C-alpha cells in the first residue's frame, strides 16, 4: 500500500492515518527514521512497558532483584537494537 503525502517547507510530512493505525503509532509513540537505498524507513520503537516479563521463561529463581533488573535491561536493549538496525 502506498499514498502520496506532501512535504512542508520545514521538511515535515503527515503519516496517513491508515499507516499510523496499522503500526500502532499515536502522538505519544516514538519512531526511528533511517535511509536504505534512497528510501526513508520509519519504524515504531516498541513500548518498553509492554515488554514487562520478557524473562518469564528464564530461570530467575535465587537471583537478587539487582540481577533480575540487569537481565531485564539487557533483554530490552537487545530488543530495541534489533529494531534500530
Protein backbone atom coordinates (compact mmCIF):
# COMPACT_ATOMS: atom_id res chain seq x y z
CA UNK A 1 0.00 0.00 0.00
CA UNK A 2 1.25 3.49 -0.71
CA UNK A 3 -0.08 7.01 -0.56
CA UNK A 4 1.17 10.36 -1.74
CA UNK A 5 1.99 12.85 1.03
CA UNK A 6 3.05 16.48 0.97
CA UNK A 7 6.34 17.72 2.39
CA UNK A 8 6.15 21.09 4.16
CA UNK A 9 8.73 23.84 3.80
CA UNK A 10 10.17 22.62 7.12
CA UNK A 11 10.56 19.08 5.80
CA UNK A 12 7.63 17.62 7.72
CA UNK A 13 5.18 15.02 6.45
CA UNK A 14 1.99 13.64 7.90
CA UNK A 15 1.89 9.88 8.16
CA UNK A 16 -1.51 8.82 6.79
CA UNK A 17 -3.88 7.51 9.47
CA UNK A 18 -4.12 4.07 7.87
CA UNK A 19 -0.38 3.60 8.38
CA UNK A 20 -0.44 5.03 11.89
CA UNK A 21 -3.23 2.66 12.87
CA UNK A 22 -1.52 -0.34 11.26
CA UNK A 23 1.74 0.38 13.10
CA UNK A 24 0.10 1.44 16.37
CA UNK A 25 1.59 4.92 16.15
CA UNK A 26 -0.01 7.77 18.02
CA UNK A 27 1.07 11.18 19.26
CA UNK A 28 2.88 9.68 22.25
CA UNK A 29 4.90 6.98 20.46
CA UNK A 30 8.44 7.29 19.17
CA UNK A 31 9.84 6.00 15.89
CA UNK A 32 13.21 5.69 14.23
CA UNK A 33 13.87 7.19 10.81
CA UNK A 34 16.67 5.98 8.54
CA UNK A 35 17.51 5.62 4.90
CA UNK A 36 18.19 2.48 2.91
CA UNK A 37 18.82 2.57 -0.85
CA UNK A 38 17.44 6.13 -1.19
CA UNK A 39 14.28 5.22 0.74
CA UNK A 40 13.15 6.60 4.07
CA UNK A 41 12.27 3.90 6.57
CA UNK A 42 10.11 4.80 9.59
CA UNK A 43 9.81 2.13 12.25
CA UNK A 44 7.98 2.35 15.57
CA UNK A 45 10.05 1.89 18.72
CA UNK A 46 8.45 -0.75 20.92
CA UNK A 47 6.73 0.35 24.09
CA UNK A 48 9.15 -0.93 26.72
CA UNK A 49 6.42 -1.00 29.36
CA UNK A 50 4.62 -3.66 27.31
CA UNK A 51 7.77 -5.76 27.35
CA UNK A 52 7.45 -6.41 31.06
CA UNK A 53 8.04 -10.05 31.83
CA UNK A 54 10.16 -10.85 28.77
CA UNK A 55 12.30 -13.02 31.05
CA UNK A 56 9.42 -15.12 32.40
CA UNK A 57 10.77 -18.24 30.72
CA UNK A 58 14.29 -17.66 32.13
CA UNK A 59 15.42 -19.22 35.38
CA UNK A 60 15.46 -16.24 37.74
CA UNK A 61 14.98 -18.22 40.92
CA UNK A 62 17.53 -17.42 43.62
CA UNK A 63 18.66 -14.21 41.88
CA UNK A 64 18.73 -10.84 43.57
CA UNK A 65 16.44 -8.06 42.39
CA UNK A 66 19.51 -6.26 41.00
CA UNK A 67 20.41 -9.31 38.90
CA UNK A 68 16.84 -9.58 37.60
CA UNK A 69 16.77 -5.85 36.73
CA UNK A 70 20.09 -6.21 34.88
CA UNK A 71 18.72 -9.17 32.91
CA UNK A 72 15.54 -7.23 32.05
CA UNK A 73 17.56 -4.18 30.93
CA UNK A 74 19.79 -6.33 28.70
CA UNK A 75 16.76 -8.03 27.15
CA UNK A 76 15.05 -4.69 26.48
CA UNK A 77 18.20 -3.20 24.92
CA UNK A 78 18.60 -6.27 22.73
CA UNK A 79 15.00 -6.00 21.53
CA UNK A 80 15.34 -2.27 20.77
CA UNK A 81 18.68 -2.71 19.00
CA UNK A 82 17.11 -5.26 16.62
CA UNK A 83 14.53 -2.70 15.58
CA UNK A 84 17.00 0.15 15.16
CA UNK A 85 19.35 -1.87 12.91
